Amino acid sequence: MRRAWFLRGAGAFAAALGLMDGAHVGRALAAGTAAPDLDLPALFKGGRPFLHLSASDGSRALAWLDTDGGGFIANSFAQRTRSPVNNGRAALPQFVPPLPPVGGDGTLPVIAPDPKDAILAGVDVQLGSSWFAGRVWTIDYRNQAITWHPDGRSITSDAINPVKLHFPTPNYPSLPVVVEGELIEMMLDTAASLVERTGSVVATSFITHERFAKWHGAHPEWSVRNIAAGIDWIEVPEVRILDVPMGAVSFTTRPGDDVFEGEHVAGKLGSNGWAFHVLMLDYVRGIAAFD
């Protein structure tokens, strides 16, 4: 989920495999054998995927997984772990077990989140596009598990519903979403979040105000409600990824369409669209699949 102050990551897969999940992965690949899958310490909050990490010095970190974000480190976490900050950027500390590193130069921007922002409450790190790029993943919303496949093998080759990922911007994937027979290219946004009137934070999907008005005008029978100023909610009874039905998915707008700044899409499919599904993401071959 992008906002103006979310700086985009550099975005290249540029780390030695031996560093990704420990020396045993490096040895396995060097020997020509399949590296073991790495089940990460997953935590799902309000339907959104996180990792609950432990640094080598005993510090704990809550990492927010965002396929549509650039990644960041909260300044409070950088201070807590005494991470050196250079030109507003810092490297992540070593975690136990080791975490696949971010790409590019291995650093992320250090930011000061608004303490009043419920969406970012408790978040120490955002792992975004440069962390997902060049890798193969399974996000199992059904069983609340997240797996990295470090050998980069195809996990979608025998899938019955593979879908080609598009990358309007390098490392930021989009999917072909169909609503009422209309094909709408939407970004994949695992971090899309909504603060409910109760104050709870839950997964959502985003649309522009223009798209909301179009759907509501054409389908006044679809459920709608206002959440807050600039934030309206609508439930689409049937959403498809090409020909594959996903069921009902709710979408929300954002004040001033802030999450769409500089983009040319009308929607972002979030984690609520994948509830009870297993999502496979192959950034190496640009393919997604799900069941």
Protein backbone atom coordinates (compact mmCIF):
# COMPACT_ATOMS: atom_id res chain seq x y z
CA MET A 1 0.00 0.00 0.00
CA ARG A 2 1.67 3.17 -1.19
CA ARG A 3 1.36 6.67 0.18
CA ALA A 4 3.42 9.70 -0.76
CA TRP A 5 5.94 9.12 2.02
CA PHE A 6 6.40 5.42 1.29
CA LEU A 7 9.66 5.45 -0.65
CA ARG A 8 9.97 2.75 -3.28
CA GLY A 9 12.68 0.15 -2.87
CA ALA A 10 15.49 -0.23 -5.35
CA GLY A 11 13.96 -3.48 -6.46
CA ALA A 12 16.59 -5.96 -7.69
CA PHE A 13 17.29 -9.44 -6.40
CA ALA A 14 20.96 -9.07 -5.57
CA ALA A 15 21.99 -11.19 -2.62
CA ALA A 16 23.89 -14.43 -2.43
CA LEU A 17 21.61 -17.40 -1.81
CA GLY A 18 23.88 -18.56 0.96
CA LEU A 19 22.81 -15.53 3.00
CA MET A 20 19.10 -15.95 2.40
CA ASP A 21 18.12 -18.61 4.84
CA GLY A 22 21.39 -19.73 6.30
CA ALA A 23 24.40 -21.67 5.12
CA HIS A 24 22.41 -24.88 4.60
CA VAL A 25 20.54 -23.34 1.66
CA GLY A 26 23.78 -22.22 0.06
CA ARG A 27 25.28 -25.67 0.49
CA ALA A 28 22.19 -27.37 -0.95
CA LEU A 29 22.22 -25.23 -4.06
CA ALA A 30 25.97 -25.63 -4.52
CA ALA A 31 25.49 -29.39 -4.39
CA GLY A 32 22.78 -29.22 -7.03
CA THR A 33 20.06 -30.42 -4.68
CA ALA A 34 16.76 -28.71 -3.99
CA ALA A 35 16.96 -26.19 -1.18
CA PRO A 36 14.35 -26.74 1.51
CA ASP A 37 11.33 -24.49 1.62
CA LEU A 38 11.48 -21.90 4.37
CA ASP A 39 8.33 -21.43 6.45
CA LEU A 40 8.46 -17.92 7.84
CA PRO A 41 7.05 -16.91 11.25
CA ALA A 42 3.71 -15.75 9.89
CA LEU A 43 1.14 -13.70 11.72
CA PHE A 44 -2.17 -12.60 10.18
CA LYS A 45 -3.85 -9.56 11.71
CA GLY A 46 -7.25 -8.53 10.43
CA GLY A 47 -6.58 -10.72 7.40
CA ARG A 48 -3.29 -8.93 6.60
CA PRO A 49 0.02 -10.86 6.43
CA PHE A 50 2.85 -10.04 8.83
CA LEU A 51 5.99 -11.71 10.12
CA HIS A 52 6.79 -11.87 13.83
CA LEU A 53 10.59 -11.67 13.86
CA SER A 54 13.31 -12.05 16.48
CA ALA A 55 16.61 -10.21 16.03
CA SER A 56 19.86 -11.84 17.12
CA ASP A 57 20.08 -9.38 20.05
CA GLY A 58 16.69 -10.51 21.32
CA SER A 59 14.70 -7.58 19.90
CA ARG A 60 11.28 -8.39 18.48
CA ALA A 61 9.97 -6.93 15.24
CA LEU A 62 6.60 -6.89 13.53
CA ALA A 63 7.13 -6.88 9.75
CA TRP A 64 4.25 -5.86 7.48
CA LEU A 65 4.28 -7.61 4.08
CA ASP A 66 3.36 -5.27 1.24
CA THR A 67 3.56 -6.33 -2.41
CA ASP A 68 2.59 -2.77 -3.39
CA GLY A 69 4.98 -0.91 -1.07
CA GLY A 70 8.61 0.07 -1.22
CA GLY A 71 9.52 -1.02 2.30
CA PHE A 72 10.69 0.95 5.32
CA ILE A 73 12.11 0.71 8.82
CA ALA A 74 10.40 2.62 11.63
CA ASN A 75 12.86 4.99 13.29
CA SER A 76 11.88 3.63 16.71
CA PHE A 77 13.00 0.14 15.64
CA ALA A 78 16.25 1.47 14.13
CA GLN A 79 16.98 3.19 17.44
CA ARG A 80 16.00 0.13 19.49
CA THR A 81 18.38 -2.10 17.52
CA ARG A 82 21.07 0.60 17.23
CA SER A 83 21.03 0.25 13.45
CA PRO A 84 23.34 2.77 11.74
CA VAL A 85 21.35 5.23 9.60
CA ASN A 86 23.11 6.74 6.60
CA ASN A 87 21.38 9.26 4.34
CA GLY A 88 18.05 8.27 5.84
CA ARG A 89 18.49 4.55 5.16
CA ALA A 90 19.48 1.55 7.23
CA ALA A 91 20.02 -2.19 6.89
CA LEU A 92 17.88 -4.64 8.79
CA PRO A 93 19.52 -6.40 11.72
CA GLN A 94 20.20 -10.12 11.62
CA PHE A 95 17.15 -12.17 12.51
CA VAL A 96 16.94 -15.66 13.99
CA PRO A 97 16.20 -17.66 11.95
CA PRO A 98 17.71 -15.61 9.10
CA LEU A 99 15.27 -13.68 6.93
CA PRO A 100 15.57 -13.40 3.12
CA PRO A 101 17.17 -9.97 2.71
CA VAL A 102 15.78 -7.00 0.86
CA GLY A 103 17.16 -6.42 -2.62
CA GLY A 104 19.03 -3.49 -4.08
CA ASP A 105 21.72 -2.18 -1.72
CA GLY A 106 20.20 -4.09 1.20
CA THR A 107 18.87 -1.00 2.95
CA LEU A 108 15.44 0.54 3.49
CA PRO A 109 14.37 4.12 4.18
CA VAL A 110 13.93 4.98 7.84
CA ILE A 111 10.69 6.83 8.50
CA ALA A 112 8.80 8.27 11.46
CA PRO A 113 5.24 6.89 11.20
CA ASP A 114 2.41 9.06 12.45
CA PRO A 115 1.69 7.77 15.98
CA LYS A 116 -2.00 8.46 15.38
CA ASP A 117 -2.12 6.18 12.32
CA ALA A 118 -3.83 2.99 13.46
CA ILE A 119 -2.75 1.18 10.30
CA LEU A 120 0.91 1.51 11.24
CA ALA A 121 0.48 0.94 14.97
CA GLY A 122 3.10 -1.52 16.18
CA VAL A 123 4.71 -1.94 12.75
CA ASP A 124 8.51 -1.98 12.95
CA VAL A 125 9.35 -2.88 9.35
CA GLN A 126 7.60 -2.97 6.00
CA LEU A 127 8.93 -5.60 3.60
CA GLY A 128 7.92 -4.53 0.13
CA SER A 129 8.66 -4.90 -3.56
CA SER A 130 12.42 -5.36 -3.32
CA TRP A 131 11.95 -8.17 -0.80
CA PHE A 132 9.40 -10.08 -2.90
CA ALA A 133 11.17 -9.49 -6.23
CA GLY A 134 13.05 -12.30 -7.92
CA ARG A 135 11.63 -14.95 -5.60
CA VAL A 136 8.87 -17.53 -5.38
CA TRP A 137 6.35 -17.39 -2.54
CA THR A 138 3.26 -19.05 -1.13
CA ILE A 139 0.93 -16.94 1.02
CA ASP A 140 -1.52 -19.36 2.54
CA TYR A 141 -4.40 -17.24 3.82
CA ARG A 142 -6.45 -20.35 4.52
CA ASN A 143 -3.97 -21.83 6.99
CA GLN A 144 -2.18 -18.57 7.87
CA ALA A 145 1.24 -19.61 6.65
CA ILE A 146 3.90 -17.93 4.49
CA THR A 147 6.57 -19.93 2.65
CA TRP A 148 9.59 -18.85 0.64
CA HIS A 149 10.83 -21.32 -2.00
CA PRO A 150 14.54 -20.42 -2.10
CA ASP A 151 15.55 -22.60 -5.05
CA GLY A 152 13.24 -20.54 -7.29
CA ARG A 153 11.57 -23.61 -8.78
CA SER A 154 8.19 -23.24 -10.41
CA ILE A 155 5.33 -23.99 -8.02
CA THR A 156 2.64 -23.00 -10.53
CA SER A 157 3.59 -25.29 -13.45
CA ASP A 158 0.79 -27.74 -12.68
CA ALA A 159 -1.71 -25.17 -11.41
CA ILE A 160 -5.15 -25.32 -13.03
CA ASN A 161 -5.55 -21.55 -12.96
CA PRO A 162 -2.19 -19.82 -13.60
CA VAL A 163 -2.44 -16.11 -14.28
CA LYS A 164 0.21 -13.95 -15.89
CA LEU A 165 1.40 -11.15 -13.66
CA HIS A 166 1.96 -7.76 -15.24
CA PHE A 167 4.45 -5.26 -13.87
CA PRO A 168 3.39 -1.68 -14.73
CA THR A 169 6.33 -0.64 -12.57
CA PRO A 170 9.25 -3.05 -12.05
CA ASN A 171 8.60 -5.43 -9.15
CA TYR A 172 5.06 -4.13 -8.56
CA PRO A 173 2.64 -6.80 -9.88
CA SER A 174 -0.88 -6.36 -11.18
CA LEU A 175 -3.61 -8.87 -11.93
CA PRO A 176 -6.47 -9.08 -14.48
CA VAL A 177 -9.60 -8.62 -12.35
CA VAL A 178 -13.04 -9.01 -13.93
CA VAL A 179 -16.19 -7.40 -12.53
CA GLU A 180 -19.47 -7.66 -14.41
CA GLY A 181 -17.61 -8.74 -17.53
CA GLU A 182 -15.25 -5.75 -17.47
CA LEU A 183 -11.51 -6.42 -17.28
CA ILE A 184 -9.88 -4.10 -14.75
CA GLU A 185 -6.14 -4.29 -14.20
CA MET A 186 -5.54 -4.05 -10.46
CA MET A 187 -2.33 -3.91 -8.48
CA LEU A 188 -1.71 -6.74 -6.03
CA ASP A 189 -1.69 -5.04 -2.62
CA THR A 190 -1.34 -7.47 0.28
CA ALA A 191 -1.13 -4.57 2.75
CA ALA A 192 -4.29 -2.68 1.73
CA SER A 193 -5.89 -1.70 5.04
CA LEU A 194 -9.06 -0.17 6.38
CA VAL A 195 -9.67 1.37 9.81
CA GLU A 196 -13.22 0.44 10.72
CA ARG A 197 -15.49 2.76 12.71
CA THR A 198 -14.74 0.57 15.72
CA GLY A 199 -11.03 1.35 15.34
CA SER A 200 -10.09 -2.16 14.28
CA VAL A 201 -7.80 -2.50 11.25
CA VAL A 202 -8.76 -5.04 8.61
CA ALA A 203 -7.70 -6.06 5.12
CA THR A 204 -9.46 -4.36 2.23
CA SER A 205 -9.10 -3.70 -1.49
CA PHE A 206 -8.96 -0.22 -3.01
CA ILE A 207 -10.75 1.53 -5.83
CA THR A 208 -10.75 5.13 -6.99
CA HIS A 209 -13.68 7.41 -6.23
CA GLU A 210 -14.50 7.41 -9.94
CA ARG A 211 -14.73 3.61 -10.00
CA PHE A 212 -16.86 3.63 -6.82
CA ALA A 213 -19.30 6.09 -8.39
CA LYS A 214 -19.50 3.99 -11.55
CA TRP A 215 -20.26 0.77 -9.70
CA HIS A 216 -22.70 2.38 -7.29
CA GLY A 217 -24.54 4.15 -10.12
CA ALA A 218 -24.84 0.97 -12.18
CA HIS A 219 -25.68 -1.27 -9.20
CA PRO A 220 -27.56 0.62 -6.48
CA GLU A 221 -28.47 -2.76 -4.97
CA TRP A 222 -24.84 -3.46 -4.03
CA SER A 223 -24.16 -2.83 -0.33
CA VAL A 224 -22.43 0.48 0.38
CA ARG A 225 -21.58 2.47 3.49
CA ASN A 226 -19.52 5.45 4.49
CA ILE A 227 -16.63 4.72 6.84
CA ALA A 228 -15.11 8.17 7.26
CA ALA A 229 -14.50 11.34 5.27
CA GLY A 230 -13.30 10.27 1.82
CA ILE A 231 -13.63 6.58 2.65
CA ASP A 232 -16.60 4.72 1.18
CA TRP A 233 -17.13 0.96 1.18
CA ILE A 234 -18.83 -1.17 -1.47
CA GLU A 235 -19.25 -4.93 -1.72
CA VAL A 236 -18.99 -6.48 -5.18
CA PRO A 237 -21.00 -9.74 -5.19
CA GLU A 238 -18.74 -11.56 -7.65
CA VAL A 239 -15.12 -10.87 -8.51
CA ARG A 240 -13.10 -13.01 -10.91
CA ILE A 241 -9.45 -13.34 -11.83
CA LEU A 242 -10.00 -13.83 -15.55
CA ASP A 243 -12.47 -16.76 -15.53
CA VAL A 244 -11.84 -17.94 -11.97
CA PRO A 245 -14.48 -16.85 -9.43
CA MET A 246 -13.20 -15.35 -6.17
CA GLY A 247 -16.59 -14.68 -4.58
CA ALA A 248 -17.68 -11.40 -3.02
CA VAL A 249 -14.98 -8.81 -2.35
CA SER A 250 -15.38 -5.44 -0.62
CA PHE A 251 -13.54 -2.36 -1.87
CA THR A 252 -12.92 1.01 -0.24
CA THR A 253 -11.89 4.43 -1.46
CA ARG A 254 -9.19 6.60 0.05
CA PRO A 255 -9.22 10.35 0.73
CA GLY A 256 -8.06 12.07 -2.43
CA ASP A 257 -7.26 8.66 -3.96
CA ASP A 258 -3.92 8.97 -2.15
CA VAL A 259 -2.88 5.34 -2.68
CA PHE A 260 -3.17 5.83 -6.46
CA GLU A 261 -0.82 8.81 -6.66
CA GLY A 262 1.19 8.67 -9.88
CA GLU A 263 -0.48 5.45 -11.03
CA HIS A 264 -2.81 4.63 -13.91
CA VAL A 265 -4.93 1.91 -12.35
CA ALA A 266 -8.41 2.10 -10.86
CA GLY A 267 -8.08 -0.63 -8.27
CA LYS A 268 -5.86 -2.65 -5.95
CA LEU A 269 -6.78 -6.17 -4.95
CA GLY A 270 -5.93 -6.68 -1.31
CA SER A 271 -5.71 -9.54 1.13
CA ASN A 272 -9.46 -9.63 1.72
CA GLY A 273 -9.79 -10.89 -1.86
CA TRP A 274 -7.66 -13.90 -1.01
CA ALA A 275 -9.33 -14.88 2.26
CA PHE A 276 -9.54 -18.68 2.52
CA HIS A 277 -7.32 -19.05 -0.56
CA VAL A 278 -3.72 -20.14 -1.07
CA LEU A 279 -1.89 -17.57 -3.21
CA MET A 280 1.26 -18.61 -5.09
CA LEU A 281 3.46 -15.83 -6.44
CA ASP A 282 6.28 -16.57 -8.87
CA TYR A 283 8.17 -13.33 -9.44
CA VAL A 284 10.84 -15.22 -11.41
CA ARG A 285 8.43 -16.22 -14.19
CA GLY A 286 5.78 -13.57 -13.59
CA ILE A 287 2.97 -15.99 -12.75
CA ALA A 288 0.40 -16.24 -9.96
CA ALA A 289 -1.89 -19.13 -9.09
CA PHE A 290 -4.33 -19.85 -6.30
CA ASP A 291 -6.75 -22.36 -4.94
